[in-house]
Amino acid sequence: VVAPDAPVRILLTAAEEVRAARRSAELTSHDAATVADSLRRRDASDSTVVDFLTAAPGVEVVDSTYLDFEQTVDAVIEVIDRKLEAARGH
């Protein structure tokens, strides 16, 4: 939806509880339960507009649930490299 003609499209996801914990760590003034509730409400609202949890055809999913930041970046770069290499016919 964001860039339908991009040469590489990625859906970056993680388990809800992991997303809430990560977000809570960023928002030190909010407790984890409040952050988790906010994420659930946002996800529910967003899902009425678009099915953002299901990758469209041609979109690669990178699940960062068990990855730290560096591993997530590496996984995304790996997808990009693989897709671009395939597009070049190698």
C-alpha atoms as a PDB file:
ATOM      1  CA  VAL A   1       0.000   0.000   0.000  1.00  0.00           C
ATOM      2  CA  VAL A   2       2.798   2.414   0.895  1.00  0.00           C
ATOM      3  CA  ALA A   3       5.035   1.757  -2.107  1.00  0.00           C
ATOM      4  CA  PRO A   4       3.336  -0.832  -4.340  1.00  0.00           C
ATOM      5  CA  ASP A   5       5.907  -0.480  -7.134  1.00  0.00           C
ATOM      6  CA  ALA A   6       9.009  -0.717  -4.913  1.00  0.00           C
ATOM      7  CA  PRO A   7      11.520  -3.351  -6.042  1.00  0.00           C
ATOM      8  CA  VAL A   8      11.495  -4.807  -2.507  1.00  0.00           C
ATOM      9  CA  ARG A   9       8.531  -4.718  -0.148  1.00  0.00           C
ATOM     10  CA  ILE A  10       8.803  -5.903   3.439  1.00  0.00           C
ATOM     11  CA  LEU A  11       6.267  -6.386   6.207  1.00  0.00           C
ATOM     12  CA  LEU A  12       8.150  -6.060   9.506  1.00  0.00           C
ATOM     13  CA  THR A  13       6.276  -7.710  12.324  1.00  0.00           C
ATOM     14  CA  ALA A  14       6.681  -9.048  15.862  1.00  0.00           C
ATOM     15  CA  ALA A  15       4.465 -10.691  18.440  1.00  0.00           C
ATOM     16  CA  GLU A  16       2.124  -8.265  20.172  1.00  0.00           C
ATOM     17  CA  GLU A  17       3.701  -8.729  23.605  1.00  0.00           C
ATOM     18  CA  VAL A  18       7.181  -8.106  22.179  1.00  0.00           C
ATOM     19  CA  ARG A  19       6.018  -4.968  20.379  1.00  0.00           C
ATOM     20  CA  ALA A  20       4.429  -3.734  23.612  1.00  0.00           C
ATOM     21  CA  ALA A  21       7.590  -4.407  25.631  1.00  0.00           C
ATOM     22  CA  ARG A  22       9.765  -2.623  23.072  1.00  0.00           C
ATOM     23  CA  ARG A  23       7.433   0.354  22.940  1.00  0.00           C
ATOM     24  CA  SER A  24       7.193   0.483  26.735  1.00  0.00           C
ATOM     25  CA  ALA A  25      10.991   0.610  26.955  1.00  0.00           C
ATOM     26  CA  GLU A  26      10.907   3.673  24.670  1.00  0.00           C
ATOM     27  CA  LEU A  27       8.122   5.378  26.616  1.00  0.00           C
ATOM     28  CA  THR A  28       9.550   5.281  30.115  1.00  0.00           C
ATOM     29  CA  SER A  29       6.727   7.428  31.490  1.00  0.00           C
ATOM     30  CA  HIS A  30       4.120   4.756  30.587  1.00  0.00           C
ATOM     31  CA  ASP A  31       3.651   1.352  32.166  1.00  0.00           C
ATOM     32  CA  ALA A  32       3.727  -1.794  30.023  1.00  0.00           C
ATOM     33  CA  ALA A  33      -0.004  -2.524  30.441  1.00  0.00           C
ATOM     34  CA  THR A  34      -0.967   0.951  29.215  1.00  0.00           C
ATOM     35  CA  VAL A  35       1.349   0.665  26.228  1.00  0.00           C
ATOM     36  CA  ALA A  36       0.030  -2.833  25.379  1.00  0.00           C
ATOM     37  CA  ASP A  37      -3.562  -1.588  25.578  1.00  0.00           C
ATOM     38  CA  SER A  38      -2.718   1.353  23.323  1.00  0.00           C
ATOM     39  CA  LEU A  39      -1.074  -0.960  20.753  1.00  0.00           C
ATOM     40  CA  ARG A  40      -4.092  -3.294  20.774  1.00  0.00           C
ATOM     41  CA  ARG A  41      -6.478  -0.370  20.232  1.00  0.00           C
ATOM     42  CA  ARG A  42      -4.333   1.038  17.419  1.00  0.00           C
ATOM     43  CA  ASP A  43      -4.045  -2.376  15.746  1.00  0.00           C
ATOM     44  CA  ALA A  44      -7.819  -2.870  16.002  1.00  0.00           C
ATOM     45  CA  SER A  45      -8.443   0.568  14.500  1.00  0.00           C
ATOM     46  CA  ASP A  46      -5.876   0.072  11.725  1.00  0.00           C
ATOM     47  CA  SER A  47      -7.316  -3.337  10.843  1.00  0.00           C
ATOM     48  CA  THR A  48     -10.610  -1.717   9.856  1.00  0.00           C
ATOM     49  CA  VAL A  49      -8.764   0.224   7.151  1.00  0.00           C
ATOM     50  CA  VAL A  50      -6.338  -2.377   5.820  1.00  0.00           C
ATOM     51  CA  ASP A  51      -5.276  -5.921   6.668  1.00  0.00           C
ATOM     52  CA  PHE A  52      -1.812  -4.912   7.780  1.00  0.00           C
ATOM     53  CA  LEU A  53      -0.973  -8.258   9.367  1.00  0.00           C
ATOM     54  CA  THR A  54      -1.242 -10.224   6.115  1.00  0.00           C
ATOM     55  CA  ALA A  55       1.467  -9.645   3.550  1.00  0.00           C
ATOM     56  CA  ALA A  56       0.260  -8.806   0.059  1.00  0.00           C
ATOM     57  CA  PRO A  57       1.564 -10.935  -2.800  1.00  0.00           C
ATOM     58  CA  GLY A  58       5.248 -10.227  -3.361  1.00  0.00           C
ATOM     59  CA  VAL A  59       5.790  -8.806   0.121  1.00  0.00           C
ATOM     60  CA  GLU A  60       8.426 -10.527   2.269  1.00  0.00           C
ATOM     61  CA  VAL A  61       7.667 -10.923   5.973  1.00  0.00           C
ATOM     62  CA  VAL A  62      10.420 -10.320   8.511  1.00  0.00           C
ATOM     63  CA  ASP A  63       9.330 -11.430  11.970  1.00  0.00           C
ATOM     64  CA  SER A  64      11.499  -9.666  14.536  1.00  0.00           C
ATOM     65  CA  THR A  65       9.916 -11.313  17.584  1.00  0.00           C
ATOM     66  CA  TYR A  66      13.125 -13.128  18.538  1.00  0.00           C
ATOM     67  CA  LEU A  67      15.563 -10.679  16.955  1.00  0.00           C
ATOM     68  CA  ASP A  68      17.340  -7.723  18.492  1.00  0.00           C
ATOM     69  CA  PHE A  69      17.779  -4.478  16.557  1.00  0.00           C
ATOM     70  CA  GLU A  70      20.987  -5.495  14.773  1.00  0.00           C
ATOM     71  CA  GLN A  71      19.565  -8.906  13.828  1.00  0.00           C
ATOM     72  CA  THR A  72      16.424  -7.220  12.490  1.00  0.00           C
ATOM     73  CA  VAL A  73      18.481  -4.867  10.336  1.00  0.00           C
ATOM     74  CA  ASP A  74      20.520  -7.821   9.065  1.00  0.00           C
ATOM     75  CA  ALA A  75      17.338  -9.778   8.236  1.00  0.00           C
ATOM     76  CA  VAL A  76      15.907  -6.835   6.282  1.00  0.00           C
ATOM     77  CA  ILE A  77      19.169  -6.324   4.382  1.00  0.00           C
ATOM     78  CA  GLU A  78      19.257 -10.043   3.586  1.00  0.00           C
ATOM     79  CA  VAL A  79      15.767  -9.840   2.065  1.00  0.00           C
ATOM     80  CA  ILE A  80      16.741  -6.769   0.040  1.00  0.00           C
ATOM     81  CA  ASP A  81      19.942  -8.387  -1.236  1.00  0.00           C
ATOM     82  CA  ARG A  82      18.126 -11.615  -2.154  1.00  0.00           C
ATOM     83  CA  LYS A  83      15.286  -9.810  -3.959  1.00  0.00           C
ATOM     84  CA  LEU A  84      17.564  -7.489  -5.895  1.00  0.00           C
ATOM     85  CA  GLU A  85      19.868 -10.355  -6.856  1.00  0.00           C
ATOM     86  CA  ALA A  86      16.870 -12.346  -8.117  1.00  0.00           C
ATOM     87  CA  ALA A  87      15.658  -9.328 -10.097  1.00  0.00           C
ATOM     88  CA  ARG A  88      19.063  -9.092 -11.784  1.00  0.00           C
ATOM     89  CA  GLY A  89      18.742 -12.747 -12.767  1.00  0.00           C
ATOM     90  CA  HIS A  90      21.529 -14.228 -10.648  1.00  0.00           C
END
